[in-house]
């Protein structure tokens, strides 16, 4: 069983930066691919970014490419999302997810992830 806890959300002005962290607690030492998704009010959850267990493969939504960077530190069981040049349309609850079934594959579909965090709010003011 993997538990995920997101931190780092908050309120920032447009053009600012935030770094989200997703810490995993897993006593079995399972490998997992990490993903970030977001959901804005009245909208469906959407893919943001994902990273393989090794960190060698990453994927980004077109809307964040060039502004967001995903990374991980497996020694700390943590996946990060560095968000720069934030825009008001980035406002959403951000969720991290873990895919332990296919840890070396980057997937953009939420249904492929078997563990989810509780979410952290990111608000970007104009």
Foldseek 3Di string as FASTA:
>chain_A
DKAWAKDWADEEAAQAKIKIKIAIDDPVLFAWKKFKWWDAPPGDIFGAKIAASVRPDMDGDPVQPPFWDWGDDSVRRMIMIIGGRDDQVVWTWMKMFIQRPHRGDTDGDPVNTDYIYPTDTHGYHD
